C-alpha atoms as a PDB file:
ATOM      1  CA  MET A   1     -12.093  -9.209  16.448  1.00  0.00           C
ATOM      2  CA  ARG A   2      -8.782  -7.439  15.981  1.00  0.00           C
ATOM      3  CA  SER A   3      -6.684  -6.218  18.883  1.00  0.00           C
ATOM      4  CA  ASP A   4      -5.774  -2.525  19.069  1.00  0.00           C
ATOM      5  CA  GLU A   5      -2.244  -3.321  17.872  1.00  0.00           C
ATOM      6  CA  SER A   6      -3.426  -5.364  14.897  1.00  0.00           C
ATOM      7  CA  ASN A   7      -6.053  -2.697  14.095  1.00  0.00           C
ATOM      8  CA  GLY A   8      -3.286  -0.108  14.062  1.00  0.00           C
ATOM      9  CA  ARG A   9      -1.114  -2.277  11.848  1.00  0.00           C
ATOM     10  CA  PHE A  10      -4.037  -2.930   9.497  1.00  0.00           C
ATOM     11  CA  GLU A  11      -4.634   0.826   9.208  1.00  0.00           C
ATOM     12  CA  LEU A  12      -0.940   1.411   8.414  1.00  0.00           C
ATOM     13  CA  GLN A  13      -1.123  -1.222   5.683  1.00  0.00           C
ATOM     14  CA  LYS A  14      -4.370   0.125   4.241  1.00  0.00           C
ATOM     15  CA  ASN A  15      -3.105   3.711   4.318  1.00  0.00           C
ATOM     16  CA  THR A  16       0.125   2.671   2.621  1.00  0.00           C
ATOM     17  CA  LEU A  17      -1.790   0.912  -0.161  1.00  0.00           C
ATOM     18  CA  ARG A  18      -4.006   3.988  -0.522  1.00  0.00           C
ATOM     19  CA  LEU A  19      -0.864   6.108  -0.859  1.00  0.00           C
ATOM     20  CA  LEU A  20       0.683   3.792  -3.433  1.00  0.00           C
ATOM     21  CA  CYS A  21      -2.500   3.932  -5.550  1.00  0.00           C
ATOM     22  CA  SER A  22      -3.011   7.671  -5.162  1.00  0.00           C
ATOM     23  CA  VAL A  23      -2.967   9.991  -8.154  1.00  0.00           C
ATOM     24  CA  LEU A  24      -1.275  12.543  -5.890  1.00  0.00           C
ATOM     25  CA  ILE A  25       2.112  10.809  -5.854  1.00  0.00           C
ATOM     26  CA  LYS A  26       4.473  10.354  -8.764  1.00  0.00           C
ATOM     27  CA  SER A  27       5.195   6.906 -10.097  1.00  0.00           C
ATOM     28  CA  GLY A  28       8.871   7.249  -9.130  1.00  0.00           C
ATOM     29  CA  THR A  29       7.864   7.867  -5.518  1.00  0.00           C
ATOM     30  CA  ARG A  30       5.671   4.768  -5.615  1.00  0.00           C
ATOM     31  CA  VAL A  31       8.519   2.681  -7.021  1.00  0.00           C
ATOM     32  CA  GLU A  32      10.917   3.914  -4.344  1.00  0.00           C
ATOM     33  CA  ILE A  33       8.492   3.177  -1.488  1.00  0.00           C
ATOM     34  CA  CYS A  34       7.866  -0.290  -2.946  1.00  0.00           C
ATOM     35  CA  ARG A  35      11.597  -0.893  -3.204  1.00  0.00           C
ATOM     36  CA  LEU A  36      12.067  -0.077   0.483  1.00  0.00           C
ATOM     37  CA  LEU A  37       9.123  -2.101   1.813  1.00  0.00           C
ATOM     38  CA  THR A  38       9.220  -5.858   2.191  1.00  0.00           C
ATOM     39  CA  PRO A  39       6.069  -7.787   1.239  1.00  0.00           C
ATOM     40  CA  GLY A  40       6.125  -9.601   4.584  1.00  0.00           C
ATOM     41  CA  VAL A  41       5.178  -6.410   6.405  1.00  0.00           C
ATOM     42  CA  PHE A  42       1.697  -6.890   4.927  1.00  0.00           C
ATOM     43  CA  GLN A  43       0.268  -9.545   7.215  1.00  0.00           C
ATOM     44  CA  ALA A  44      -2.949 -10.417   5.386  1.00  0.00           C
ATOM     45  CA  PRO A  45      -2.578 -12.384   2.131  1.00  0.00           C
ATOM     46  CA  LEU A  46      -4.798 -10.007   0.139  1.00  0.00           C
ATOM     47  CA  GLU A  47      -2.904  -6.883   1.152  1.00  0.00           C
ATOM     48  CA  ARG A  48       0.415  -8.636   0.502  1.00  0.00           C
ATOM     49  CA  VAL A  49      -0.693  -9.660  -3.009  1.00  0.00           C
ATOM     50  CA  VAL A  50      -1.962  -6.138  -3.744  1.00  0.00           C
ATOM     51  CA  PHE A  51       1.400  -4.717  -2.657  1.00  0.00           C
ATOM     52  CA  GLU A  52       3.327  -7.263  -4.741  1.00  0.00           C
ATOM     53  CA  GLU A  53       1.265  -6.403  -7.814  1.00  0.00           C
ATOM     54  CA  ILE A  54       1.738  -2.664  -7.292  1.00  0.00           C
ATOM     55  CA  ARG A  55       5.484  -3.258  -6.975  1.00  0.00           C
ATOM     56  CA  GLU A  56       5.515  -5.493 -10.058  1.00  0.00           C
ATOM     57  CA  LEU A  57       3.707  -2.901 -12.195  1.00  0.00           C
ATOM     58  CA  GLY A  58       6.508  -0.422 -11.549  1.00  0.00           C
ATOM     59  CA  ALA A  59       6.543   3.162 -12.760  1.00  0.00           C
ATOM     60  CA  ILE A  60       3.198   3.387 -14.490  1.00  0.00           C
ATOM     61  CA  ASP A  61       0.588   6.113 -14.200  1.00  0.00           C
ATOM     62  CA  SER A  62      -1.577   5.666 -11.109  1.00  0.00           C
ATOM     63  CA  ARG A  63      -4.768   5.699 -13.167  1.00  0.00           C
ATOM     64  CA  ARG A  64      -3.429   2.833 -15.258  1.00  0.00           C
ATOM     65  CA  LEU A  65      -2.327   1.070 -12.064  1.00  0.00           C
ATOM     66  CA  ARG A  66      -5.900   1.261 -10.774  1.00  0.00           C
ATOM     67  CA  GLU A  67      -7.178  -0.163 -14.065  1.00  0.00           C
ATOM     68  CA  LEU A  68      -4.798  -3.129 -14.053  1.00  0.00           C
ATOM     69  CA  LEU A  69      -4.739  -4.003 -10.371  1.00  0.00           C
ATOM     70  CA  PRO A  70      -8.167  -5.698 -10.039  1.00  0.00           C
ATOM     71  CA  SER A  71      -7.566  -8.288 -12.769  1.00  0.00           C
ATOM     72  CA  ARG A  72      -4.017  -8.968 -11.578  1.00  0.00           C
ATOM     73  CA  VAL A  73      -5.158  -9.542  -7.989  1.00  0.00           C
ATOM     74  CA  THR A  74      -8.063 -11.677  -9.202  1.00  0.00           C
ATOM     75  CA  ASN A  75      -5.589 -13.791 -11.204  1.00  0.00           C
ATOM     76  CA  ARG A  76      -3.561 -14.294  -8.012  1.00  0.00           C
ATOM     77  CA  GLY A  77      -6.479 -16.084  -6.333  1.00  0.00           C
ATOM     78  CA  PHE A  78      -8.788 -13.370  -5.045  1.00  0.00           C
ATOM     79  CA  PRO A  79     -11.823 -13.574  -7.368  1.00  0.00           C
ATOM     80  CA  ASP A  80     -13.953 -11.226  -5.248  1.00  0.00           C
ATOM     81  CA  PHE A  81     -11.319  -8.479  -5.055  1.00  0.00           C
ATOM     82  CA  ASP A  82     -12.794  -4.970  -4.996  1.00  0.00           C
ATOM     83  CA  LEU A  83     -10.207  -2.189  -5.245  1.00  0.00           C
ATOM     84  CA  ARG A  84     -12.682   0.501  -4.212  1.00  0.00           C
ATOM     85  CA  HIS A  85     -13.550  -1.425  -1.051  1.00  0.00           C
ATOM     86  CA  LEU A  86      -9.903  -2.041  -0.154  1.00  0.00           C
ATOM     87  CA  LEU A  87      -8.915   1.590  -0.668  1.00  0.00           C
ATOM     88  CA  ALA A  88     -12.053   3.139   0.866  1.00  0.00           C
ATOM     89  CA  PRO A  89     -12.286   6.028   0.889  1.00  0.00           C
ATOM     90  CA  TYR A  90     -11.156   5.598  -2.714  1.00  0.00           C
ATOM     91  CA  GLU A  91     -10.036   9.133  -3.459  1.00  0.00           C
ATOM     92  CA  VAL A  92      -7.182  10.638  -1.446  1.00  0.00           C
ATOM     93  CA  SER A  93      -7.413  14.320  -0.649  1.00  0.00           C
ATOM     94  CA  GLU A  94      -4.399  16.581  -0.484  1.00  0.00           C
ATOM     95  CA  LYS A  95      -5.113  16.988   3.243  1.00  0.00           C
ATOM     96  CA  GLU A  96      -4.807  13.214   3.754  1.00  0.00           C
ATOM     97  CA  ILE A  97      -1.610  12.697   1.793  1.00  0.00           C
ATOM     98  CA  ASP A  98       0.697  13.631   4.707  1.00  0.00           C
ATOM     99  CA  GLN A  99      -1.056  11.130   6.971  1.00  0.00           C
ATOM    100  CA  LEU A 100      -0.730   8.425   4.327  1.00  0.00           C
ATOM    101  CA  PHE A 101       2.984   9.168   3.889  1.00  0.00           C
ATOM    102  CA  GLU A 102       3.382   8.942   7.674  1.00  0.00           C
ATOM    103  CA  SER A 103       1.716   5.515   7.632  1.00  0.00           C
ATOM    104  CA  ALA A 104       4.099   4.374   4.903  1.00  0.00           C
ATOM    105  CA  LEU A 105       7.083   5.594   6.934  1.00  0.00           C
ATOM    106  CA  GLN A 106       5.849   3.728  10.012  1.00  0.00           C
ATOM    107  CA  LEU A 107       5.402   0.594   7.910  1.00  0.00           C
ATOM    108  CA  LEU A 108       8.941   1.068   6.592  1.00  0.00           C
ATOM    109  CA  ASP A 109      10.185   1.067  10.178  1.00  0.00           C
ATOM    110  CA  LEU A 110       8.316  -2.213  10.763  1.00  0.00           C
ATOM    111  CA  SER A 111       9.711  -3.565   7.506  1.00  0.00           C
ATOM    112  CA  HIS A 112      13.296  -2.976   8.643  1.00  0.00           C
ATOM    113  CA  PRO A 113      13.262  -3.318  12.453  1.00  0.00           C
ATOM    114  CA  ASP A 114      17.037  -3.684  12.728  1.00  0.00           C
ATOM    115  CA  GLU A 115      17.784  -0.392  11.003  1.00  0.00           C
ATOM    116  CA  ASP A 116      17.610   2.890  12.894  1.00  0.00           C
ATOM    117  CA  HIS A 117      14.943   5.306  11.747  1.00  0.00           C
ATOM    118  CA  LEU A 118      14.631   4.879   8.007  1.00  0.00           C
ATOM    119  CA  ALA A 119      11.940   7.524   8.201  1.00  0.00           C
ATOM    120  CA  ASP A 120      14.362  10.209   9.460  1.00  0.00           C
END
């Protein structure tokens, strides 16, 4: 069972991945967030690999990203990878997008603990 702190961190990671795969953000925004985050902030190997693949794919359309991601993650050693399960709920509503951005900003703070308030 996860502790409250690790549950919170897991939710930040999941929400950030949901944001990065969302059709509601531009590819340039995705690239910039990926540039600022370090892969090590994703504690679980699967989430880290998903992030690395998103970062590697760069500025492509989010629909194309969602098409390519499953096979790329599978090729990295996760044969049972299910993008829909990881990103559940799969579709991001406009109401949720602010919360997902906030999660990404909190993860950025964890990614760069020695820097003061990257999110400001």
